[in-house]
Amino acid sequence: KQQMIKYKGTTLYPPAMHDILNDFSGIQCYQIVIHS
């Protein structure tokens, strides 16, 4: 709940972004940074 993101009018949770990034075999590692 505390990691819910309102981004450009869309509600996002980090797990959905993890799934997208894990879909790319070319990504060696990643980090999602959220700020105000």
Full PDB file with SEQRES, HELIX, SHEET, SSBOND, CRYST1, ORIGX, SCALE, CONECT and MASTER records, all heavy atoms in Angstrom:
SEQRES   1 A   36  LYS GLN GLN MET ILE LYS TYR LYS GLY THR THR LEU TYR          
SEQRES   2 A   36  PRO PRO ALA MET HIS ASP ILE LEU ASN ASP PHE SER GLY          
SEQRES   3 A   36  ILE GLN CYS TYR GLN ILE VAL ILE HIS SER                      
HELIX    1 AA1 PRO A   14  ASN A   22  1                                   9    
SHEET    1 AA1 2 ILE A   5  TYR A   7  0                                        
SHEET    2 AA1 2 THR A  10  LEU A  12 -1                                        
CRYST1    1.000    1.000    1.000  90.00  90.00  90.00 P 1           1          
ORIGX1      1.000000  0.000000  0.000000        0.00000                         
ORIGX2      0.000000  1.000000  0.000000        0.00000                         
ORIGX3      0.000000  0.000000  1.000000        0.00000                         
SCALE1      1.000000  0.000000  0.000000        0.00000                         
SCALE2      0.000000  1.000000  0.000000        0.00000                         
SCALE3      0.000000  0.000000  1.000000        0.00000                         
ATOM      1  N   LYS A   1       0.823  -1.207   0.000  1.00  0.00           N  
ATOM      2  CA  LYS A   1       0.000   0.000   0.000  1.00  0.00           C  
ATOM      3  C   LYS A   1       0.858   1.258   0.000  1.00  0.00           C  
ATOM      4  O   LYS A   1       0.579   2.219  -0.717  1.00  0.00           O  
ATOM      5  CB  LYS A   1      -0.933  -0.016   1.211  1.00  0.00           C  
ATOM      6  CG  LYS A   1      -1.984   1.076   1.173  1.00  0.00           C  
ATOM      7  CD  LYS A   1      -3.032   0.869   2.243  1.00  0.00           C  
ATOM      8  CE  LYS A   1      -4.133   1.922   2.119  1.00  0.00           C  
ATOM      9  NZ  LYS A   1      -5.189   1.732   3.131  1.00  0.00           N  
ATOM     10  N   GLN A   2       1.937   1.253   0.803  1.00  0.00           N  
ATOM     11  CA  GLN A   2       2.772   2.447   0.894  1.00  0.00           C  
ATOM     12  C   GLN A   2       3.605   2.663  -0.367  1.00  0.00           C  
ATOM     13  O   GLN A   2       4.187   3.736  -0.564  1.00  0.00           O  
ATOM     14  CB  GLN A   2       3.690   2.358   2.101  1.00  0.00           C  
ATOM     15  CG  GLN A   2       4.747   1.256   2.009  1.00  0.00           C  
ATOM     16  CD  GLN A   2       5.489   1.075   3.304  1.00  0.00           C  
ATOM     17  OE1 GLN A   2       4.887   0.914   4.360  1.00  0.00           O  
ATOM     18  NE2 GLN A   2       6.801   1.086   3.245  1.00  0.00           N  
ATOM     19  N   GLN A   3       3.696   1.633  -1.237  1.00  0.00           N  
ATOM     20  CA  GLN A   3       4.466   1.769  -2.470  1.00  0.00           C  
ATOM     21  C   GLN A   3       3.587   2.003  -3.691  1.00  0.00           C  
ATOM     22  O   GLN A   3       4.065   1.956  -4.825  1.00  0.00           O  
ATOM     23  CB  GLN A   3       5.335   0.523  -2.679  1.00  0.00           C  
ATOM     24  CG  GLN A   3       6.447   0.407  -1.643  1.00  0.00           C  
ATOM     25  CD  GLN A   3       7.209  -0.895  -1.726  1.00  0.00           C  
ATOM     26  OE1 GLN A   3       6.818  -1.822  -2.435  1.00  0.00           O  
ATOM     27  NE2 GLN A   3       8.306  -0.982  -1.000  1.00  0.00           N  
ATOM     28  N   MET A   4       2.296   2.250  -3.477  1.00  0.00           N  
ATOM     29  CA  MET A   4       1.428   2.583  -4.597  1.00  0.00           C  
ATOM     30  C   MET A   4       1.913   3.879  -5.240  1.00  0.00           C  
ATOM     31  O   MET A   4       2.266   4.837  -4.550  1.00  0.00           O  
ATOM     32  CB  MET A   4      -0.019   2.741  -4.132  1.00  0.00           C  
ATOM     33  CG  MET A   4      -0.999   2.948  -5.265  1.00  0.00           C  
ATOM     34  SD  MET A   4      -2.688   3.243  -4.682  1.00  0.00           S  
ATOM     35  CE  MET A   4      -2.570   4.970  -4.206  1.00  0.00           C  
ATOM     36  N   ILE A   5       1.928   3.917  -6.557  1.00  0.00           N  
ATOM     37  CA  ILE A   5       2.449   5.060  -7.301  1.00  0.00           C  
ATOM     38  C   ILE A   5       1.327   5.628  -8.173  1.00  0.00           C  
ATOM     39  O   ILE A   5       0.632   4.871  -8.864  1.00  0.00           O  
ATOM     40  CB  ILE A   5       3.630   4.640  -8.201  1.00  0.00           C  
ATOM     41  CG1 ILE A   5       4.686   3.882  -7.389  1.00  0.00           C  
ATOM     42  CG2 ILE A   5       4.244   5.848  -8.903  1.00  0.00           C  
ATOM     43  CD1 ILE A   5       5.580   3.012  -8.239  1.00  0.00           C  
ATOM     44  N   LYS A   6       1.154   6.925  -8.131  1.00  0.00           N  
ATOM     45  CA  LYS A   6       0.268   7.611  -9.070  1.00  0.00           C  
ATOM     46  C   LYS A   6       1.154   8.313 -10.090  1.00  0.00           C  
ATOM     47  O   LYS A   6       1.794   9.329  -9.793  1.00  0.00           O  
ATOM     48  CB  LYS A   6      -0.618   8.616  -8.342  1.00  0.00           C  
ATOM     49  CG  LYS A   6      -1.689   7.987  -7.479  1.00  0.00           C  
ATOM     50  CD  LYS A   6      -2.745   7.243  -8.285  1.00  0.00           C  
ATOM     51  CE  LYS A   6      -3.664   8.177  -9.019  1.00  0.00           C  
ATOM     52  NZ  LYS A   6      -4.779   7.471  -9.673  1.00  0.00           N  
ATOM     53  N   TYR A   7       1.235   7.747 -11.287  1.00  0.00           N  
ATOM     54  CA  TYR A   7       2.157   8.260 -12.304  1.00  0.00           C  
ATOM     55  C   TYR A   7       1.392   8.627 -13.564  1.00  0.00           C  
ATOM     56  O   TYR A   7       0.812   7.764 -14.225  1.00  0.00           O  
ATOM     57  CB  TYR A   7       3.222   7.207 -12.602  1.00  0.00           C  
ATOM     58  CG  TYR A   7       4.324   7.663 -13.532  1.00  0.00           C  
ATOM     59  CD1 TYR A   7       5.193   8.671 -13.155  1.00  0.00           C  
ATOM     60  CD2 TYR A   7       4.499   7.080 -14.778  1.00  0.00           C  
ATOM     61  CE1 TYR A   7       6.209   9.100 -13.990  1.00  0.00           C  
ATOM     62  CE2 TYR A   7       5.510   7.493 -15.632  1.00  0.00           C  
ATOM     63  CZ  TYR A   7       6.360   8.510 -15.228  1.00  0.00           C  
ATOM     64  OH  TYR A   7       7.367   8.926 -16.073  1.00  0.00           O  
ATOM     65  N   LYS A   8       1.353   9.928 -13.855  1.00  0.00           N  
ATOM     66  CA  LYS A   8       0.665  10.438 -15.041  1.00  0.00           C  
ATOM     67  C   LYS A   8      -0.788   9.947 -15.092  1.00  0.00           C  
ATOM     68  O   LYS A   8      -1.299   9.524 -16.139  1.00  0.00           O  
ATOM     69  CB  LYS A   8       1.411  10.043 -16.318  1.00  0.00           C  
ATOM     70  CG  LYS A   8       2.816  10.645 -16.398  1.00  0.00           C  
ATOM     71  CD  LYS A   8       3.539  10.241 -17.668  1.00  0.00           C  
ATOM     72  CE  LYS A   8       4.940  10.851 -17.704  1.00  0.00           C  
ATOM     73  NZ  LYS A   8       5.696  10.450 -18.914  1.00  0.00           N  
ATOM     74  N   GLY A   9      -1.433   9.962 -13.907  1.00  0.00           N  
ATOM     75  CA  GLY A   9      -2.844   9.583 -13.827  1.00  0.00           C  
ATOM     76  C   GLY A   9      -3.104   8.099 -13.733  1.00  0.00           C  
ATOM     77  O   GLY A   9      -4.257   7.670 -13.643  1.00  0.00           O  
ATOM     78  N   THR A  10      -2.041   7.284 -13.725  1.00  0.00           N  
ATOM     79  CA  THR A  10      -2.186   5.826 -13.675  1.00  0.00           C  
ATOM     80  C   THR A  10      -1.675   5.303 -12.338  1.00  0.00           C  
ATOM     81  O   THR A  10      -0.610   5.712 -11.862  1.00  0.00           O  
ATOM     82  CB  THR A  10      -1.393   5.166 -14.819  1.00  0.00           C  
ATOM     83  OG1 THR A  10      -1.903   5.627 -16.070  1.00  0.00           O  
ATOM     84  CG2 THR A  10      -1.512   3.647 -14.763  1.00  0.00           C  
ATOM     85  N   THR A  11      -2.431   4.394 -11.721  1.00  0.00           N  
ATOM     86  CA  THR A  11      -2.006   3.764 -10.474  1.00  0.00           C  
ATOM     87  C   THR A  11      -1.134   2.560 -10.786  1.00  0.00           C  
ATOM     88  O   THR A  11      -1.544   1.655 -11.526  1.00  0.00           O  
ATOM     89  CB  THR A  11      -3.225   3.324  -9.643  1.00  0.00           C  
ATOM     90  OG1 THR A  11      -4.011   4.471  -9.305  1.00  0.00           O  
ATOM     91  CG2 THR A  11      -2.777   2.636  -8.362  1.00  0.00           C  
ATOM     92  N   LEU A  12       0.079   2.537 -10.220  1.00  0.00           N  
ATOM     93  CA  LEU A  12       1.022   1.462 -10.468  1.00  0.00           C  
ATOM     94  C   LEU A  12       1.505   0.867  -9.159  1.00  0.00           C  
ATOM     95  O   LEU A  12       1.564   1.558  -8.137  1.00  0.00           O  
ATOM     96  CB  LEU A  12       2.248   1.978 -11.243  1.00  0.00           C  
ATOM     97  CG  LEU A  12       2.038   2.684 -12.578  1.00  0.00           C  
ATOM     98  CD1 LEU A  12       3.387   3.185 -13.094  1.00  0.00           C  
ATOM     99  CD2 LEU A  12       1.399   1.749 -13.581  1.00  0.00           C  
ATOM    100  N   TYR A  13       1.867  -0.413  -9.212  1.00  0.00           N  
ATOM    101  CA  TYR A  13       2.567  -1.065  -8.115  1.00  0.00           C  
ATOM    102  C   TYR A  13       3.872  -1.630  -8.672  1.00  0.00           C  
ATOM    103  O   TYR A  13       3.927  -2.090  -9.817  1.00  0.00           O  
ATOM    104  CB  TYR A  13       1.741  -2.207  -7.512  1.00  0.00           C  
ATOM    105  CG  TYR A  13       0.592  -1.747  -6.647  1.00  0.00           C  
ATOM    106  CD1 TYR A  13      -0.716  -1.800  -7.114  1.00  0.00           C  
ATOM    107  CD2 TYR A  13       0.808  -1.276  -5.362  1.00  0.00           C  
ATOM    108  CE1 TYR A  13      -1.778  -1.378  -6.321  1.00  0.00           C  
ATOM    109  CE2 TYR A  13      -0.237  -0.870  -4.556  1.00  0.00           C  
ATOM    110  CZ  TYR A  13      -1.529  -0.926  -5.042  1.00  0.00           C  
ATOM    111  OH  TYR A  13      -2.565  -0.515  -4.251  1.00  0.00           O  
ATOM    112  N   PRO A  14       4.950  -1.626  -7.888  1.00  0.00           N  
ATOM    113  CA  PRO A  14       6.248  -2.118  -8.375  1.00  0.00           C  
ATOM    114  C   PRO A  14       6.230  -3.516  -8.992  1.00  0.00           C  
ATOM    115  O   PRO A  14       6.934  -3.739  -9.985  1.00  0.00           O  
ATOM    116  CB  PRO A  14       7.130  -2.065  -7.119  1.00  0.00           C  
ATOM    117  CG  PRO A  14       6.577  -0.914  -6.342  1.00  0.00           C  
ATOM    118  CD  PRO A  14       5.081  -1.004  -6.551  1.00  0.00           C  
ATOM    119  N   PRO A  15       5.456  -4.511  -8.456  1.00  0.00           N  
ATOM    120  CA  PRO A  15       5.507  -5.838  -9.086  1.00  0.00           C  
ATOM    121  C   PRO A  15       5.183  -5.832 -10.576  1.00  0.00           C  
ATOM    122  O   PRO A  15       5.748  -6.628 -11.339  1.00  0.00           O  
ATOM    123  CB  PRO A  15       4.463  -6.637  -8.291  1.00  0.00           C  
ATOM    124  CG  PRO A  15       4.483  -6.007  -6.942  1.00  0.00           C  
ATOM    125  CD  PRO A  15       4.657  -4.537  -7.200  1.00  0.00           C  
ATOM    126  N   ALA A  16       4.280  -4.949 -11.002  1.00  0.00           N  
ATOM    127  CA  ALA A  16       3.948  -4.885 -12.434  1.00  0.00           C  
ATOM    128  C   ALA A  16       5.149  -4.418 -13.241  1.00  0.00           C  
ATOM    129  O   ALA A  16       5.387  -4.881 -14.368  1.00  0.00           O  
ATOM    130  CB  ALA A  16       2.766  -3.941 -12.655  1.00  0.00           C  
ATOM    131  N   MET A  17       5.938  -3.498 -12.677  1.00  0.00           N  
ATOM    132  CA  MET A  17       7.136  -3.021 -13.372  1.00  0.00           C  
ATOM    133  C   MET A  17       8.232  -4.084 -13.364  1.00  0.00           C  
ATOM    134  O   MET A  17       8.977  -4.231 -14.338  1.00  0.00           O  
ATOM    135  CB  MET A  17       7.619  -1.718 -12.733  1.00  0.00           C  
ATOM    136  CG  MET A  17       6.670  -0.549 -12.960  1.00  0.00           C  
ATOM    137  SD  MET A  17       7.336   1.039 -12.395  1.00  0.00           S  
ATOM    138  CE  MET A  17       7.000   0.905 -10.642  1.00  0.00           C  
ATOM    139  N   HIS A  18       8.331  -4.838 -12.270  1.00  0.00           N  
ATOM    140  CA  HIS A  18       9.298  -5.936 -12.226  1.00  0.00           C  
ATOM    141  C   HIS A  18       9.023  -6.932 -13.355  1.00  0.00           C  
ATOM    142  O   HIS A  18       9.944  -7.403 -14.020  1.00  0.00           O  
ATOM    143  CB  HIS A  18       9.220  -6.664 -10.882  1.00  0.00           C  
ATOM    144  CG  HIS A  18       9.704  -5.860  -9.719  1.00  0.00           C  
ATOM    145  ND1 HIS A  18      10.844  -5.091  -9.768  1.00  0.00           N  
ATOM    146  CD2 HIS A  18       9.213  -5.702  -8.463  1.00  0.00           C  
ATOM    147  CE1 HIS A  18      11.035  -4.505  -8.599  1.00  0.00           C  
ATOM    148  NE2 HIS A  18      10.052  -4.851  -7.790  1.00  0.00           N  
ATOM    149  N   ASP A  19       7.750  -7.269 -13.572  1.00  0.00           N  
ATOM    150  CA  ASP A  19       7.399  -8.222 -14.618  1.00  0.00           C  
ATOM    151  C   ASP A  19       7.856  -7.738 -15.987  1.00  0.00           C  
ATOM    152  O   ASP A  19       8.362  -8.519 -16.807  1.00  0.00           O  
ATOM    153  CB  ASP A  19       5.883  -8.460 -14.636  1.00  0.00           C  
ATOM    154  CG  ASP A  19       5.433  -9.421 -13.549  1.00  0.00           C  
ATOM    155  OD1 ASP A  19       6.309 -10.062 -12.930  1.00  0.00           O  
ATOM    156  OD2 ASP A  19       4.215  -9.537 -13.319  1.00  0.00           O  
ATOM    157  N   ILE A  20       7.641  -6.464 -16.260  1.00  0.00           N  
ATOM    158  CA  ILE A  20       8.025  -5.916 -17.563  1.00  0.00           C  
ATOM    159  C   ILE A  20       9.541  -5.973 -17.748  1.00  0.00           C  
ATOM    160  O   ILE A  20      10.044  -6.398 -18.801  1.00  0.00           O  
ATOM    161  CB  ILE A  20       7.514  -4.468 -17.703  1.00  0.00           C  
ATOM    162  CG1 ILE A  20       5.983  -4.478 -17.828  1.00  0.00           C  
ATOM    163  CG2 ILE A  20       8.147  -3.769 -18.905  1.00  0.00           C  
ATOM    164  CD1 ILE A  20       5.353  -3.108 -17.777  1.00  0.00           C  
ATOM    165  N   LEU A  21      10.290  -5.578 -16.742  1.00  0.00           N  
ATOM    166  CA  LEU A  21      11.752  -5.573 -16.848  1.00  0.00           C  
ATOM    167  C   LEU A  21      12.314  -6.987 -16.931  1.00  0.00           C  
ATOM    168  O   LEU A  21      13.299  -7.237 -17.628  1.00  0.00           O  
ATOM    169  CB  LEU A  21      12.348  -4.814 -15.660  1.00  0.00           C  
ATOM    170  CG  LEU A  21      12.031  -3.308 -15.661  1.00  0.00           C  
ATOM    171  CD1 LEU A  21      12.323  -2.692 -14.295  1.00  0.00           C  
ATOM    172  CD2 LEU A  21      12.822  -2.594 -16.741  1.00  0.00           C  
ATOM    173  N   ASN A  22      11.691  -7.921 -16.221  1.00  0.00           N  
ATOM    174  CA  ASN A  22      12.143  -9.315 -16.291  1.00  0.00           C  
ATOM    175  C   ASN A  22      11.874  -9.944 -17.655  1.00  0.00           C  
ATOM    176  O   ASN A  22      12.413 -10.999 -17.975  1.00  0.00           O  
ATOM    177  CB  ASN A  22      11.464 -10.148 -15.196  1.00  0.00           C  
ATOM    178  CG  ASN A  22      12.027  -9.869 -13.821  1.00  0.00           C  
ATOM    179  OD1 ASN A  22      13.201  -9.555 -13.677  1.00  0.00           O  
ATOM    180  ND2 ASN A  22      11.191  -9.971 -12.800  1.00  0.00           N  
ATOM    181  N   ASP A  23      11.049  -9.295 -18.455  1.00  0.00           N  
ATOM    182  CA  ASP A  23      10.715  -9.797 -19.787  1.00  0.00           C  
ATOM    183  C   ASP A  23      11.860  -9.611 -20.780  1.00  0.00           C  
ATOM    184  O   ASP A  23      11.853 -10.201 -21.860  1.00  0.00           O  
ATOM    185  CB  ASP A  23       9.462  -9.079 -20.311  1.00  0.00           C  
ATOM    186  CG  ASP A  23       8.647  -9.951 -21.251  1.00  0.00           C  
ATOM    187  OD1 ASP A  23       8.944 -11.157 -21.330  1.00  0.00           O  
ATOM    188  OD2 ASP A  23       7.736  -9.433 -21.903  1.00  0.00           O  
ATOM    189  N   PHE A  24      12.844  -8.785 -20.425  1.00  0.00           N  
ATOM    190  CA  PHE A  24      13.953  -8.500 -21.332  1.00  0.00           C  
ATOM    191  C   PHE A  24      15.189  -9.307 -20.919  1.00  0.00           C  
ATOM    192  O   PHE A  24      15.762  -9.082 -19.855  1.00  0.00           O  
ATOM    193  CB  PHE A  24      14.295  -6.998 -21.306  1.00  0.00           C  
ATOM    194  CG  PHE A  24      13.298  -6.142 -22.031  1.00  0.00           C  
ATOM    195  CD1 PHE A  24      12.178  -5.653 -21.370  1.00  0.00           C  
ATOM    196  CD2 PHE A  24      13.459  -5.836 -23.367  1.00  0.00           C  
ATOM    197  CE1 PHE A  24      11.252  -4.868 -22.024  1.00  0.00           C  
ATOM    198  CE2 PHE A  24      12.539  -5.054 -24.047  1.00  0.00           C  
ATOM    199  CZ  PHE A  24      11.430  -4.567 -23.369  1.00  0.00           C  
ATOM    200  N   SER A  25      15.577 -10.245 -21.784  1.00  0.00           N  
ATOM    201  CA  SER A  25      16.747 -11.067 -21.472  1.00  0.00           C  
ATOM    202  C   SER A  25      18.034 -10.257 -21.515  1.00  0.00           C  
ATOM    203  O   SER A  25      19.049 -10.645 -20.925  1.00  0.00           O  
ATOM    204  CB  SER A  25      16.843 -12.234 -22.469  1.00  0.00           C  
ATOM    205  OG  SER A  25      16.908 -11.748 -23.805  1.00  0.00           O  
ATOM    206  N   GLY A  26      18.012  -9.103 -22.201  1.00  0.00           N  
ATOM    207  CA  GLY A  26      19.213  -8.291 -22.319  1.00  0.00           C  
ATOM    208  C   GLY A  26      19.525  -7.445 -21.100  1.00  0.00           C  
ATOM    209  O   GLY A  26      20.594  -6.836 -21.025  1.00  0.00           O  
ATOM    210  N   ILE A  27      18.597  -7.381 -20.136  1.00  0.00           N  
ATOM    211  CA  ILE A  27      18.840  -6.583 -18.931  1.00  0.00           C  
ATOM    212  C   ILE A  27      19.628  -7.412 -17.921  1.00  0.00           C  
ATOM    213  O   ILE A  27      19.189  -8.475 -17.492  1.00  0.00           O  
ATOM    214  CB  ILE A  27      17.509  -6.100 -18.317  1.00  0.00           C  
ATOM    215  CG1 ILE A  27      16.821  -5.106 -19.271  1.00  0.00           C  
ATOM    216  CG2 ILE A  27      17.755  -5.439 -16.965  1.00  0.00           C  
ATOM    217  CD1 ILE A  27      15.488  -4.595 -18.768  1.00  0.00           C  
ATOM    218  N   GLN A  28      20.813  -6.905 -17.557  1.00  0.00           N  
ATOM    219  CA  GLN A  28      21.662  -7.623 -16.600  1.00  0.00           C  
ATOM    220  C   GLN A  28      21.200  -7.396 -15.163  1.00  0.00           C  
ATOM    221  O   GLN A  28      21.190  -8.318 -14.354  1.00  0.00           O  
ATOM    222  CB  GLN A  28      23.112  -7.165 -16.770  1.00  0.00           C  
ATOM    223  CG  GLN A  28      23.695  -7.508 -18.142  1.00  0.00           C  
ATOM    224  CD  GLN A  28      25.007  -6.798 -18.382  1.00  0.00           C  
ATOM    225  OE1 GLN A  28      25.074  -5.575 -18.350  1.00  0.00           O  
ATOM    226  NE2 GLN A  28      26.058  -7.568 -18.623  1.00  0.00           N  
ATOM    227  N   CYS A  29      20.849  -6.172 -14.825  1.00  0.00           N  
ATOM    228  CA  CYS A  29      20.240  -5.862 -13.542  1.00  0.00           C  
ATOM    229  C   CYS A  29      19.557  -4.505 -13.649  1.00  0.00           C  
ATOM    230  O   CYS A  29      19.829  -3.729 -14.576  1.00  0.00           O  
ATOM    231  CB  CYS A  29      21.242  -5.890 -12.389  1.00  0.00           C  
ATOM    232  SG  CYS A  29      22.467  -4.576 -12.398  1.00  0.00           S  
ATOM    233  N   TYR A  30      18.644  -4.236 -12.716  1.00  0.00           N  
ATOM    234  CA  TYR A  30      17.902  -2.980 -12.766  1.00  0.00           C  
ATOM    235  C   TYR A  30      17.520  -2.543 -11.356  1.00  0.00           C  
ATOM    236  O   TYR A  30      17.537  -3.330 -10.410  1.00  0.00           O  
ATOM    237  CB  TYR A  30      16.633  -3.123 -13.621  1.00  0.00           C  
ATOM    238  CG  TYR A  30      15.607  -4.069 -13.057  1.00  0.00           C  
ATOM    239  CD1 TYR A  30      14.684  -3.645 -12.094  1.00  0.00           C  
ATOM    240  CD2 TYR A  30      15.537  -5.399 -13.468  1.00  0.00           C  
ATOM    241  CE1 TYR A  30      13.743  -4.512 -11.557  1.00  0.00           C  
ATOM    242  CE2 TYR A  30      14.603  -6.277 -12.936  1.00  0.00           C  
ATOM    243  CZ  TYR A  30      13.713  -5.823 -11.990  1.00  0.00           C  
ATOM    244  OH  TYR A  30      12.788  -6.684 -11.458  1.00  0.00           O  
ATOM    245  N   GLN A  31      17.146  -1.277 -11.257  1.00  0.00           N  
ATOM    246  CA  GLN A  31      16.656  -0.733  -9.992  1.00  0.00           C  
ATOM    247  C   GLN A  31      15.626   0.350 -10.300  1.00  0.00           C  
ATOM    248  O   GLN A  31      15.882   1.251 -11.101  1.00  0.00           O  
ATOM    249  CB  GLN A  31      17.799  -0.143  -9.176  1.00  0.00           C  
ATOM    250  CG  GLN A  31      17.412   0.277  -7.764  1.00  0.00           C  
ATOM    251  CD  GLN A  31      18.631   0.750  -6.976  1.00  0.00           C  
ATOM    252  OE1 GLN A  31      19.132   1.845  -7.212  1.00  0.00           O  
ATOM    253  NE2 GLN A  31      19.105  -0.097  -6.056  1.00  0.00           N  
ATOM    254  N   ILE A  32      14.450   0.228  -9.683  1.00  0.00           N  
ATOM    255  CA  ILE A  32      13.376   1.207  -9.844  1.00  0.00           C  
ATOM    256  C   ILE A  32      13.498   2.232  -8.723  1.00  0.00           C  
ATOM    257  O   ILE A  32      13.508   1.870  -7.540  1.00  0.00           O  
ATOM    258  CB  ILE A  32      11.996   0.524  -9.794  1.00  0.00           C  
ATOM    259  CG1 ILE A  32      11.880  -0.536 -10.894  1.00  0.00           C  
ATOM    260  CG2 ILE A  32      10.875   1.556  -9.909  1.00  0.00           C  
ATOM    261  CD1 ILE A  32      10.701  -1.475 -10.721  1.00  0.00           C  
ATOM    262  N   VAL A  33      13.595   3.496  -9.087  1.00  0.00           N  
ATOM    263  CA  VAL A  33      13.729   4.573  -8.103  1.00  0.00           C  
ATOM    264  C   VAL A  33      12.491   5.465  -8.192  1.00  0.00           C  
ATOM    265  O   VAL A  33      12.161   5.974  -9.272  1.00  0.00           O  
ATOM    266  CB  VAL A  33      14.998   5.413  -8.350  1.00  0.00           C  
ATOM    267  CG1 VAL A  33      15.108   6.523  -7.294  1.00  0.00           C  
ATOM    268  CG2 VAL A  33      16.242   4.528  -8.320  1.00  0.00           C  
ATOM    269  N   ILE A  34      11.791   5.629  -7.073  1.00  0.00           N  
ATOM    270  CA  ILE A  34      10.594   6.473  -7.023  1.00  0.00           C  
ATOM    271  C   ILE A  34      10.912   7.692  -6.162  1.00  0.00           C  
ATOM    272  O   ILE A  34      11.475   7.558  -5.065  1.00  0.00           O  
ATOM    273  CB  ILE A  34       9.404   5.710  -6.401  1.00  0.00           C  
ATOM    274  CG1 ILE A  34       9.212   4.346  -7.063  1.00  0.00           C  
ATOM    275  CG2 ILE A  34       8.117   6.534  -6.530  1.00  0.00           C  
ATOM    276  CD1 ILE A  34       8.293   3.426  -6.293  1.00  0.00           C  
ATOM    277  N   HIS A  35      10.570   8.871  -6.638  1.00  0.00           N  
ATOM    278  CA  HIS A  35      10.792  10.081  -5.851  1.00  0.00           C  
ATOM    279  C   HIS A  35       9.682  11.078  -6.134  1.00  0.00           C  
ATOM    280  O   HIS A  35       8.850  10.871  -7.034  1.00  0.00           O  
ATOM    281  CB  HIS A  35      12.164  10.695  -6.164  1.00  0.00           C  
ATOM    282  CG  HIS A  35      12.308  11.197  -7.571  1.00  0.00           C  
ATOM    283  ND1 HIS A  35      12.136  12.512  -7.920  1.00  0.00           N  
ATOM    284  CD2 HIS A  35      12.599  10.539  -8.724  1.00  0.00           C  
ATOM    285  CE1 HIS A  35      12.319  12.656  -9.219  1.00  0.00           C  
ATOM    286  NE2 HIS A  35      12.598  11.477  -9.731  1.00  0.00           N  
ATOM    287  N   SER A  36       9.636  12.133  -5.366  1.00  0.00           N  
ATOM    288  CA  SER A  36       8.622  13.172  -5.549  1.00  0.00           C  
ATOM    289  C   SER A  36       9.219  14.336  -6.339  1.00  0.00           C  
ATOM    290  O   SER A  36      10.354  14.764  -6.080  1.00  0.00           O  
ATOM    291  CB  SER A  36       8.120  13.682  -4.194  1.00  0.00           C  
ATOM    292  OG  SER A  36       7.473  12.649  -3.481  1.00  0.00           O  
TER     293      SER A  36                                                      
MASTER        0    0    0    1    2    0    0    6  292    1    0    3          
END                                                                             
